[in-house]
Amino acid sequence: MNSNIKITGHDLIALGYKQGKWMKKAIKHINLHQLQGDALVSYLEQFKTPEPIALHSTPKPFSINIRAENELERDNVDHVINSMETLMKTPTLVDGAIMPDACPAGPDGTIPVGGVAVAKKAIHPGMHSADICCSVLLTDFGQIDPKTILDVAHTHTHFGPGGRDRESQFQFPQELLEAFKSNVLLNEEYMIQIAKSHLGTQGDGNHFLFVGTSENTGNTMLITHHGSRGPGARLYAKGMKIAERFRQELSPDTKKQNAWIPFETDEGQSYWEALQIMRKWTKLNHEVLHNSVSEELGIDIENRYWNEHNFVFRDGDLFYHAKGATPLDPKFMPDITGPRLIPLNMSEPVLIVEGKTTKTNLGFAPHGAGRNMSRTQHRRSKTGSTMQIFKEETRGLDIRFFSKEIDITELPSAYKNAKTVRTQMKEFGLGQVIDEVIPYGSIMAGDWQKNAPWRVKREKRTGSKKKK
């Protein structure tokens, strides 16, 4: 290269390099040092686009801890296995498993609910989904009337969309606020705003507040089930955008829902750190509700333990993505204080379990009962009035819906047979039941959309048009 000629971006593109942020700095360096010949080639080597990472030619092996017991279950299990086979072609994955509560969660190749996928040096946001750190926490209140606990909890909990108004918000710890501000993915005004307003909220869907009594001791226990709410969903959206950039660069053949963030990159480190902060927020989200009951009644907490079942767990350079799977192995939970919790449905006991890691369970158990059909299919399968169905399925229980509208798709018949799940837990070595919390009652969001303001307005407009 003549020393009087300046290299340009067009020259680098002509040499086969892709345009990017790196180019401006590289051009400046090349021209400043008048790089030519071998020196130029050697310097540009670092900017070469790597060959795309190919999918595994055949699926990596995974363990099947589920067995279909009827035609409906067979169709569900077939879909789950087919989706896992596609998933296990993802280049980063080295192992996987499906649990007895497994059910499809999206298009072919999407990790199912009740699935575990083990990746090497990679975090897949799509494999923990938007409900980051969905989890359960149990508080043992000792010998107290369960109705008292349920009534007081009802006055403190919050279900449905959005967060609490300023007057009813729980205090946000300074230490946690500083943690949010220290992370590039969490340090934004809106993220912190919703982290404050959503604290002490439970959302909707299958999230619940459950009260029952220990079969072993007779003590009354409060159990809540929910995840990281708005802050977690926002972090997930950011993670998926980052992963998509890496997917386009590293492995375009990988399905979008299975895009990953390389752990050893700056983005990977920031995302992993953000997940740990969101984990702390979610645990606090449970604790403030339980503590509010204890404080109002002036009673002591006899015991407490929790576990997430929708998260990414690390063991060295392996990342275990649990999409609805309960961690049995203590290595996955640095703050473990007791056994694990597996809820089934509102009319069944919450199982308290312990267990060991095996080659086929990978250190996990089911997270619940799962579904054999979608909410829409379940709704269509029911005959009779909603109230009649509700009474039949919840007889003897104190079941409440926060919105005061019954959500028929959360009744026991919407879920897999609890006895089947328990039988298969024993069959496949997925944890040992050491106690059960016998149900007294529970609270769920209910069909909050039925009377949502936007729907009422739409129905009024439609009604007016019909009258004309």
Protein backbone atom coordinates (compact mmCIF):
# COMPACT_ATOMS: atom_id res chain seq x y z
CA MET A 1 0.00 0.00 0.00
CA ASN A 2 1.33 3.44 -0.93
CA SER A 3 1.96 5.48 2.23
CA ASN A 4 0.02 8.39 0.75
CA ILE A 5 -3.14 6.29 0.27
CA LYS A 6 -5.59 6.10 3.12
CA ILE A 7 -7.56 2.87 3.55
CA THR A 8 -11.35 3.24 3.81
CA GLY A 9 -14.30 1.18 4.89
CA HIS A 10 -14.99 0.32 1.25
CA ASP A 11 -11.51 -1.20 1.04
CA LEU A 12 -12.18 -3.41 4.09
CA ILE A 13 -15.56 -4.49 2.73
CA ALA A 14 -13.89 -5.35 -0.58
CA LEU A 15 -11.48 -7.54 1.39
CA GLY A 16 -14.48 -9.51 2.73
CA TYR A 17 -15.05 -7.87 6.12
CA LYS A 18 -18.50 -6.98 7.40
CA GLN A 19 -19.33 -3.41 8.31
CA GLY A 20 -19.63 -2.78 12.03
CA LYS A 21 -18.74 -0.53 14.95
CA TRP A 22 -15.20 -1.95 14.95
CA MET A 23 -14.42 -0.51 11.50
CA LYS A 24 -13.95 3.15 12.42
CA LYS A 25 -11.39 2.34 15.12
CA ALA A 26 -9.63 -0.20 12.87
CA ILE A 27 -9.32 2.24 9.96
CA LYS A 28 -7.83 4.85 12.25
CA HIS A 29 -5.28 2.35 13.59
CA ILE A 30 -4.34 1.04 10.11
CA ASN A 31 -3.78 4.51 8.65
CA LEU A 32 -1.98 5.78 11.75
CA HIS A 33 0.51 2.91 11.63
CA GLN A 34 0.51 2.61 7.83
CA LEU A 35 -0.14 -1.13 8.00
CA GLN A 36 0.47 -3.02 4.77
CA GLY A 37 0.97 -6.56 3.53
CA ASP A 38 1.34 -9.23 6.22
CA ALA A 39 1.07 -6.65 9.01
CA LEU A 40 -2.33 -5.54 7.69
CA VAL A 41 -3.57 -9.13 7.28
CA SER A 42 -2.38 -10.03 10.78
CA TYR A 43 -4.12 -7.03 12.36
CA LEU A 44 -7.41 -7.64 10.52
CA GLU A 45 -7.48 -11.31 11.54
CA GLN A 46 -9.22 -10.38 14.80
CA PHE A 47 -12.15 -8.85 12.92
CA LYS A 48 -12.89 -11.85 10.72
CA THR A 49 -16.47 -13.05 10.99
CA PRO A 50 -16.36 -16.54 12.44
CA GLU A 51 -17.92 -19.42 10.57
CA PRO A 52 -21.53 -19.91 11.68
CA ILE A 53 -21.93 -22.45 14.47
CA ALA A 54 -23.92 -25.34 13.04
CA LEU A 55 -26.78 -27.12 14.77
CA HIS A 56 -26.04 -30.58 16.13
CA SER A 57 -26.67 -33.00 13.27
CA THR A 58 -28.63 -35.23 15.63
CA PRO A 59 -30.29 -34.27 18.93
CA LYS A 60 -28.16 -34.56 22.04
CA PRO A 61 -29.54 -37.32 24.28
CA PHE A 62 -32.03 -36.31 26.98
CA SER A 63 -33.84 -38.21 29.75
CA ILE A 64 -37.58 -38.87 29.54
CA ASN A 65 -39.08 -38.98 33.05
CA ILE A 66 -42.68 -39.17 31.90
CA ARG A 67 -45.07 -41.87 30.72
CA ALA A 68 -48.43 -41.41 28.99
CA GLU A 69 -51.29 -43.25 30.69
CA ASN A 70 -54.14 -42.43 28.29
CA GLU A 71 -54.77 -41.05 24.80
CA LEU A 72 -54.88 -37.41 25.92
CA GLU A 73 -51.58 -37.77 27.72
CA ARG A 74 -50.05 -39.64 24.77
CA ASP A 75 -50.69 -36.72 22.43
CA ASN A 76 -49.20 -34.31 25.00
CA VAL A 77 -46.11 -36.46 25.63
CA ASP A 78 -45.51 -36.92 21.89
CA HIS A 79 -45.55 -33.15 21.37
CA VAL A 80 -43.17 -32.64 24.31
CA ILE A 81 -40.68 -35.26 23.10
CA ASN A 82 -40.76 -33.97 19.52
CA SER A 83 -40.13 -30.41 20.72
CA MET A 84 -37.25 -31.56 22.95
CA GLU A 85 -35.66 -33.45 20.05
CA THR A 86 -35.63 -30.26 18.00
CA LEU A 87 -34.44 -28.23 20.99
CA MET A 88 -31.53 -30.59 21.66
CA LYS A 89 -30.02 -29.76 18.26
CA THR A 90 -29.16 -26.30 19.63
CA PRO A 91 -25.32 -26.04 19.42
CA THR A 92 -24.72 -25.10 23.06
CA LEU A 93 -26.75 -27.91 24.61
CA VAL A 94 -25.09 -30.99 26.10
CA ASP A 95 -27.89 -32.66 28.11
CA GLY A 96 -31.55 -32.38 29.00
CA ALA A 97 -34.53 -33.93 30.75
CA ILE A 98 -38.32 -33.77 30.87
CA MET A 99 -40.43 -34.25 34.00
CA PRO A 100 -43.83 -35.94 34.59
CA ASP A 101 -45.59 -32.55 34.47
CA ALA A 102 -44.18 -31.68 31.03
CA CYS A 103 -46.39 -29.93 28.47
CA PRO A 104 -45.70 -27.91 25.29
CA ALA A 105 -44.92 -24.22 25.72
CA GLY A 106 -44.68 -22.95 22.16
CA PRO A 107 -43.65 -23.89 18.61
CA ASP A 108 -41.60 -26.99 17.88
CA GLY A 109 -38.15 -26.65 19.42
CA THR A 110 -39.35 -24.58 22.38
CA ILE A 111 -38.31 -25.94 25.78
CA PRO A 112 -41.47 -27.43 27.32
CA VAL A 113 -42.83 -26.61 30.74
CA GLY A 114 -41.31 -29.35 32.88
CA GLY A 115 -38.11 -29.29 30.83
CA VAL A 116 -34.43 -28.96 31.75
CA ALA A 117 -31.79 -27.99 29.17
CA VAL A 118 -28.08 -27.92 30.01
CA ALA A 119 -25.93 -25.49 28.02
CA LYS A 120 -22.16 -25.03 28.06
CA LYS A 121 -20.92 -21.47 28.65
CA ALA A 122 -24.22 -20.00 27.46
CA ILE A 123 -27.41 -18.47 28.85
CA HIS A 124 -30.62 -18.86 26.84
CA PRO A 125 -33.19 -16.26 27.98
CA GLY A 126 -35.94 -18.05 26.04
CA MET A 127 -35.38 -21.15 28.12
CA HIS A 128 -36.30 -19.43 31.40
CA SER A 129 -39.01 -17.28 29.77
CA ALA A 130 -40.45 -13.94 30.88
CA ASP A 131 -41.55 -15.27 34.27
CA ILE A 132 -37.98 -15.23 35.61
CA CYS A 133 -37.55 -16.97 38.96
CA CYS A 134 -41.14 -18.16 39.28
CA SER A 135 -40.98 -19.70 42.72
CA VAL A 136 -42.74 -20.88 45.87
CA LEU A 137 -42.20 -19.82 49.49
CA LEU A 138 -43.60 -21.52 52.61
CA THR A 139 -44.01 -19.98 56.05
CA ASP A 140 -44.96 -22.15 59.03
CA PHE A 141 -47.19 -20.14 61.41
CA GLY A 142 -47.62 -22.90 63.98
CA GLN A 143 -50.91 -23.75 65.69
CA ILE A 144 -53.24 -21.06 64.37
CA ASP A 145 -56.59 -21.25 62.60
CA PRO A 146 -55.94 -21.45 58.81
CA LYS A 147 -58.98 -19.24 58.12
CA THR A 148 -57.35 -16.46 60.15
CA ILE A 149 -54.20 -16.69 58.03
CA LEU A 150 -56.16 -16.75 54.76
CA ASP A 151 -58.36 -13.81 55.77
CA VAL A 152 -55.41 -11.62 56.79
CA ALA A 153 -53.36 -12.65 53.76
CA HIS A 154 -56.30 -11.69 51.55
CA THR A 155 -56.14 -8.11 52.84
CA HIS A 156 -52.41 -7.84 52.10
CA THR A 157 -51.90 -9.64 48.80
CA HIS A 158 -52.34 -8.14 45.32
CA PHE A 159 -53.32 -10.03 42.16
CA GLY A 160 -53.94 -8.85 38.62
CA PRO A 161 -52.04 -6.53 36.27
CA GLY A 162 -49.85 -3.61 37.29
CA GLY A 163 -48.46 -2.73 40.67
CA ARG A 164 -49.48 -1.15 43.95
CA ASP A 165 -50.36 2.51 44.29
CA ARG A 166 -47.87 4.65 46.18
CA GLU A 167 -49.82 4.49 49.46
CA SER A 168 -49.79 0.69 49.64
CA GLN A 169 -46.26 -0.03 48.44
CA PHE A 170 -43.82 -1.99 50.60
CA GLN A 171 -40.51 -0.43 51.58
CA PHE A 172 -37.80 -1.09 48.99
CA PRO A 173 -34.46 -1.97 50.68
CA GLN A 174 -31.59 0.41 49.97
CA GLU A 175 -29.21 -2.49 49.40
CA LEU A 176 -31.43 -3.91 46.67
CA LEU A 177 -31.86 -0.47 45.11
CA GLU A 178 -28.08 -0.12 44.91
CA ALA A 179 -27.86 -3.56 43.30
CA PHE A 180 -30.30 -2.48 40.57
CA LYS A 181 -28.30 0.69 39.98
CA SER A 182 -25.04 -1.25 39.75
CA ASN A 183 -26.20 -3.38 36.80
CA VAL A 184 -26.30 -1.97 33.28
CA LEU A 185 -29.45 -3.95 32.41
CA LEU A 186 -31.39 -2.92 35.52
CA ASN A 187 -30.24 0.66 36.03
CA GLU A 188 -33.02 2.61 34.35
CA GLU A 189 -35.73 4.76 35.86
CA TYR A 190 -38.69 2.73 34.60
CA MET A 191 -37.17 -0.60 35.67
CA ILE A 192 -36.62 0.70 39.21
CA GLN A 193 -40.09 2.27 39.28
CA ILE A 194 -41.85 -1.01 38.51
CA ALA A 195 -39.51 -2.92 40.84
CA LYS A 196 -40.84 -0.73 43.64
CA SER A 197 -44.53 -0.79 42.66
CA HIS A 198 -44.67 -4.52 41.82
CA LEU A 199 -43.10 -5.58 45.12
CA GLY A 200 -45.73 -7.57 47.02
CA THR A 201 -47.78 -8.44 43.92
CA GLN A 202 -48.59 -11.88 42.51
CA GLY A 203 -49.83 -11.31 38.96
CA ASP A 204 -52.28 -13.75 37.41
CA GLY A 205 -52.37 -17.11 35.60
CA ASN A 206 -51.49 -20.05 37.82
CA HIS A 207 -49.98 -17.93 40.59
CA PHE A 208 -51.62 -18.39 43.97
CA LEU A 209 -51.69 -17.85 47.72
CA PHE A 210 -52.37 -21.19 49.44
CA VAL A 211 -53.12 -21.98 53.09
CA GLY A 212 -53.13 -25.46 54.56
CA THR A 213 -51.97 -27.62 57.43
CA SER A 214 -48.94 -29.89 57.72
CA GLU A 215 -49.82 -33.57 57.72
CA ASN A 216 -46.87 -34.19 60.08
CA THR A 217 -47.41 -31.44 62.66
CA GLY A 218 -50.86 -29.95 62.08
CA ASN A 219 -49.26 -26.49 61.85
CA THR A 220 -50.82 -23.90 59.55
CA MET A 221 -48.69 -23.00 56.57
CA LEU A 222 -48.89 -20.20 54.01
CA ILE A 223 -47.45 -20.82 50.54
CA THR A 224 -47.20 -18.27 47.73
CA HIS A 225 -46.41 -18.92 44.07
CA HIS A 226 -45.31 -16.17 41.69
CA GLY A 227 -42.25 -14.81 39.89
CA SER A 228 -40.45 -11.56 39.19
CA ARG A 229 -43.45 -9.78 37.68
CA GLY A 230 -42.84 -6.64 35.57
CA PRO A 231 -39.13 -6.23 36.33
CA GLY A 232 -38.42 -9.83 35.33
CA ALA A 233 -40.43 -9.53 32.13
CA ARG A 234 -38.51 -6.38 31.22
CA LEU A 235 -35.14 -8.02 31.90
CA TYR A 236 -36.21 -11.01 29.80
CA ALA A 237 -37.08 -8.74 26.85
CA LYS A 238 -33.64 -7.14 27.05
CA GLY A 239 -31.99 -10.54 27.29
CA MET A 240 -33.80 -11.80 24.19
CA LYS A 241 -32.65 -8.77 22.18
CA ILE A 242 -29.04 -9.35 23.21
CA ALA A 243 -29.31 -13.06 22.46
CA GLU A 244 -30.80 -12.34 19.03
CA ARG A 245 -27.80 -10.18 18.09
CA PHE A 246 -25.48 -13.04 19.02
CA ARG A 247 -27.69 -15.54 17.16
CA GLN A 248 -27.49 -13.58 13.91
CA GLU A 249 -23.72 -13.36 14.25
CA LEU A 250 -22.89 -16.80 15.64
CA SER A 251 -25.62 -19.26 14.65
CA PRO A 252 -28.35 -18.03 12.28
CA ASP A 253 -29.73 -21.58 11.95
CA THR A 254 -30.58 -21.68 15.66
CA LYS A 255 -34.27 -21.02 16.31
CA LYS A 256 -34.97 -17.51 17.61
CA GLN A 257 -36.50 -18.77 20.83
CA ASN A 258 -33.25 -20.66 21.54
CA ALA A 259 -30.83 -17.78 20.95
CA TRP A 260 -28.11 -17.50 23.57
CA ILE A 261 -25.78 -15.01 25.24
CA PRO A 262 -22.20 -16.35 25.53
CA PHE A 263 -21.45 -16.31 29.24
CA GLU A 264 -17.85 -15.14 28.88
CA THR A 265 -18.82 -11.92 27.08
CA ASP A 266 -19.50 -8.63 28.86
CA GLU A 267 -23.17 -9.06 27.98
CA GLY A 268 -23.19 -12.57 29.42
CA GLN A 269 -21.63 -11.41 32.69
CA SER A 270 -24.09 -8.52 33.00
CA TYR A 271 -27.10 -10.73 32.27
CA TRP A 272 -26.03 -13.40 34.76
CA GLU A 273 -25.53 -10.73 37.43
CA ALA A 274 -28.94 -9.24 36.61
CA LEU A 275 -30.56 -12.68 37.01
CA GLN A 276 -29.09 -13.00 40.51
CA ILE A 277 -30.40 -9.56 41.48
CA MET A 278 -33.83 -10.44 40.08
CA ARG A 279 -33.71 -13.64 42.15
CA LYS A 280 -33.20 -11.55 45.32
CA TRP A 281 -36.05 -9.25 44.34
CA THR A 282 -38.40 -12.19 43.75
CA LYS A 283 -37.61 -13.84 47.07
CA LEU A 284 -38.32 -10.50 48.78
CA ASN A 285 -41.54 -10.26 46.76
CA HIS A 286 -42.73 -13.40 48.58
CA GLU A 287 -41.33 -12.44 51.97
CA VAL A 288 -43.04 -9.06 52.27
CA LEU A 289 -46.45 -10.70 51.89
CA HIS A 290 -45.72 -13.43 54.45
CA ASN A 291 -44.16 -10.94 56.88
CA SER A 292 -47.18 -8.64 56.64
CA VAL A 293 -49.42 -11.47 57.89
CA SER A 294 -47.05 -12.24 60.76
CA GLU A 295 -46.82 -8.56 61.74
CA GLU A 296 -50.58 -7.92 61.69
CA LEU A 297 -51.32 -10.97 63.82
CA GLY A 298 -48.29 -10.49 66.08
CA ILE A 299 -47.25 -14.13 65.72
CA ASP A 300 -43.85 -15.72 65.28
CA ILE A 301 -42.66 -17.55 62.18
CA GLU A 302 -41.71 -21.11 63.12
CA ASN A 303 -40.06 -22.06 59.82
CA ARG A 304 -39.60 -20.85 56.26
CA TYR A 305 -38.14 -22.17 53.02
CA TRP A 306 -38.43 -21.53 49.32
CA ASN A 307 -37.27 -22.61 45.89
CA GLU A 308 -37.53 -21.27 42.41
CA HIS A 309 -38.56 -23.59 39.57
CA ASN A 310 -38.15 -21.30 36.58
CA PHE A 311 -34.56 -20.15 36.44
CA VAL A 312 -31.00 -20.76 35.22
CA PHE A 313 -28.74 -22.63 37.62
CA ARG A 314 -24.96 -22.73 37.26
CA ASP A 315 -22.50 -25.55 37.93
CA GLY A 316 -19.05 -24.53 36.68
CA ASP A 317 -19.33 -23.80 32.96
CA LEU A 318 -22.68 -25.61 32.67
CA PHE A 319 -25.94 -23.67 32.84
CA TYR A 320 -29.06 -25.65 33.75
CA HIS A 321 -32.16 -23.98 32.30
CA ALA A 322 -35.19 -25.17 34.28
CA LYS A 323 -38.47 -24.24 32.62
CA GLY A 324 -40.80 -25.38 35.35
CA ALA A 325 -38.56 -27.88 37.15
CA THR A 326 -37.77 -27.96 40.87
CA PRO A 327 -34.07 -28.08 41.85
CA LEU A 328 -33.29 -31.01 44.17
CA ASP A 329 -29.51 -30.62 44.28
CA PRO A 330 -28.31 -28.10 46.92
CA LYS A 331 -25.54 -26.91 44.56
CA PHE A 332 -28.22 -25.07 42.58
CA MET A 333 -29.41 -23.03 45.58
CA PRO A 334 -26.70 -21.24 47.59
CA ASP A 335 -29.23 -20.04 50.19
CA ILE A 336 -31.01 -23.36 50.68
CA THR A 337 -32.66 -23.59 54.12
CA GLY A 338 -34.91 -26.65 53.84
CA PRO A 339 -36.73 -29.08 51.55
CA ARG A 340 -38.41 -28.20 48.27
CA LEU A 341 -42.05 -27.44 47.44
CA ILE A 342 -44.15 -28.98 44.67
CA PRO A 343 -47.75 -27.69 44.40
CA LEU A 344 -50.23 -29.76 42.34
CA ASN A 345 -53.61 -28.02 42.20
CA MET A 346 -55.87 -26.10 44.60
CA SER A 347 -57.60 -29.28 45.83
CA GLU A 348 -54.43 -31.31 46.35
CA PRO A 349 -51.67 -31.10 48.98
CA VAL A 350 -48.50 -29.13 48.35
CA LEU A 351 -45.72 -31.72 48.50
CA ILE A 352 -42.65 -31.11 50.61
CA VAL A 353 -39.82 -33.13 49.10
CA GLU A 354 -36.15 -34.00 49.28
CA GLY A 355 -34.12 -35.89 46.72
CA LYS A 356 -30.80 -36.79 45.18
CA THR A 357 -29.28 -36.11 41.79
CA THR A 358 -29.31 -39.00 39.34
CA LYS A 359 -28.14 -39.38 35.76
CA THR A 360 -31.70 -39.11 34.51
CA ASN A 361 -33.15 -36.37 36.75
CA LEU A 362 -30.06 -34.08 36.44
CA GLY A 363 -30.80 -32.83 39.96
CA PHE A 364 -34.43 -31.80 39.35
CA ALA A 365 -38.03 -32.83 40.11
CA PRO A 366 -41.41 -31.70 38.70
CA HIS A 367 -42.69 -28.26 39.63
CA GLY A 368 -46.37 -29.16 39.73
CA ALA A 369 -49.05 -31.07 37.88
CA GLY A 370 -48.77 -29.47 34.44
CA ARG A 371 -51.51 -29.47 31.81
CA ASN A 372 -52.66 -31.94 29.16
CA MET A 373 -54.59 -29.32 27.22
CA SER A 374 -54.58 -25.58 26.66
CA ARG A 375 -56.78 -23.21 28.63
CA THR A 376 -59.06 -22.79 25.60
CA GLN A 377 -59.40 -26.55 25.14
CA HIS A 378 -60.18 -27.00 28.82
CA ARG A 379 -62.83 -24.28 28.77
CA ARG A 380 -64.50 -25.90 25.76
CA SER A 381 -64.44 -29.33 27.42
CA LYS A 382 -66.57 -28.22 30.39
CA THR A 383 -70.36 -28.35 30.40
CA GLY A 384 -72.72 -26.72 32.86
CA SER A 385 -72.60 -23.34 34.56
CA THR A 386 -69.31 -21.92 35.79
CA MET A 387 -70.64 -21.76 39.35
CA GLN A 388 -71.82 -25.38 39.24
CA ILE A 389 -68.43 -26.60 37.97
CA PHE A 390 -66.64 -24.46 40.57
CA LYS A 391 -68.68 -25.88 43.45
CA GLU A 392 -68.19 -29.46 42.32
CA GLU A 393 -64.42 -29.14 41.96
CA THR A 394 -63.73 -27.15 45.15
CA ARG A 395 -66.16 -28.74 47.59
CA GLY A 396 -64.97 -28.35 51.19
CA LEU A 397 -62.35 -25.72 50.34
CA ASP A 398 -62.24 -21.95 50.82
CA ILE A 399 -61.33 -20.90 47.27
CA ARG A 400 -61.28 -17.19 46.45
CA PHE A 401 -60.61 -15.22 43.29
CA PHE A 402 -59.15 -11.77 43.86
CA SER A 403 -61.05 -10.28 40.91
CA LYS A 404 -64.28 -11.88 42.21
CA GLU A 405 -64.61 -13.68 38.85
CA ILE A 406 -64.01 -17.45 38.65
CA ASP A 407 -61.21 -18.56 36.33
CA ILE A 408 -62.43 -21.98 35.24
CA THR A 409 -59.05 -22.75 33.62
CA GLU A 410 -57.39 -22.86 37.05
CA LEU A 411 -59.74 -25.42 38.59
CA PRO A 412 -58.32 -28.89 39.38
CA SER A 413 -59.67 -30.45 36.15
CA ALA A 414 -57.44 -28.11 34.13
CA TYR A 415 -54.37 -29.96 35.38
CA LYS A 416 -52.89 -33.41 35.01
CA ASN A 417 -53.97 -36.09 37.44
CA ALA A 418 -52.05 -35.42 40.65
CA LYS A 419 -51.86 -39.12 41.53
CA THR A 420 -50.19 -39.84 38.18
CA VAL A 421 -47.55 -37.17 38.78
CA ARG A 422 -46.81 -38.55 42.24
CA THR A 423 -46.59 -42.13 40.94
CA GLN A 424 -44.16 -41.12 38.23
CA MET A 425 -42.06 -39.09 40.68
CA LYS A 426 -41.51 -42.34 42.57
CA GLU A 427 -41.03 -44.40 39.41
CA PHE A 428 -38.35 -42.11 37.94
CA GLY A 429 -36.60 -41.16 41.19
CA LEU A 430 -37.69 -37.53 41.27
CA GLY A 431 -37.74 -36.76 44.97
CA GLN A 432 -39.20 -38.26 48.12
CA VAL A 433 -42.25 -36.74 49.82
CA ILE A 434 -41.44 -36.02 53.49
CA ASP A 435 -44.57 -34.01 54.35
CA GLU A 436 -47.73 -32.66 52.74
CA VAL A 437 -49.59 -29.40 53.26
CA ILE A 438 -53.27 -30.39 53.25
CA PRO A 439 -55.34 -27.65 51.56
CA TYR A 440 -57.67 -25.38 53.53
CA GLY A 441 -58.10 -22.71 50.87
CA SER A 442 -56.39 -20.46 48.37
CA ILE A 443 -56.58 -17.17 46.49
CA MET A 444 -55.90 -16.67 42.78
CA ALA A 445 -56.29 -13.75 40.42
CA GLY A 446 -59.39 -15.12 38.73
CA ASP A 447 -60.74 -13.88 35.42
CA TRP A 448 -59.66 -10.28 35.96
CA GLN A 449 -60.07 -9.48 32.26
CA LYS A 450 -63.83 -10.13 32.35
CA ASN A 451 -64.57 -6.70 33.79
CA ALA A 452 -61.39 -4.95 32.70
CA PRO A 453 -62.03 -1.27 31.83
CA TRP A 454 -60.91 -1.73 28.21
CA ARG A 455 -63.34 -4.63 27.76
CA VAL A 456 -66.27 -2.80 29.38
CA LYS A 457 -65.67 0.20 27.10
CA ARG A 458 -65.51 -2.04 24.04
CA GLU A 459 -68.73 -3.83 24.98
CA LYS A 460 -70.50 -0.50 25.53
CA ARG A 461 -69.38 0.68 22.08
CA THR A 462 -70.49 -2.58 20.50
CA GLY A 463 -73.84 -2.44 22.29
CA SER A 464 -74.46 1.12 21.11
CA LYS A 465 -73.76 0.18 17.49
CA LYS A 466 -76.15 -2.78 17.69
CA LYS A 467 -78.97 -0.58 19.02
CA LYS A 468 -78.56 1.77 16.07
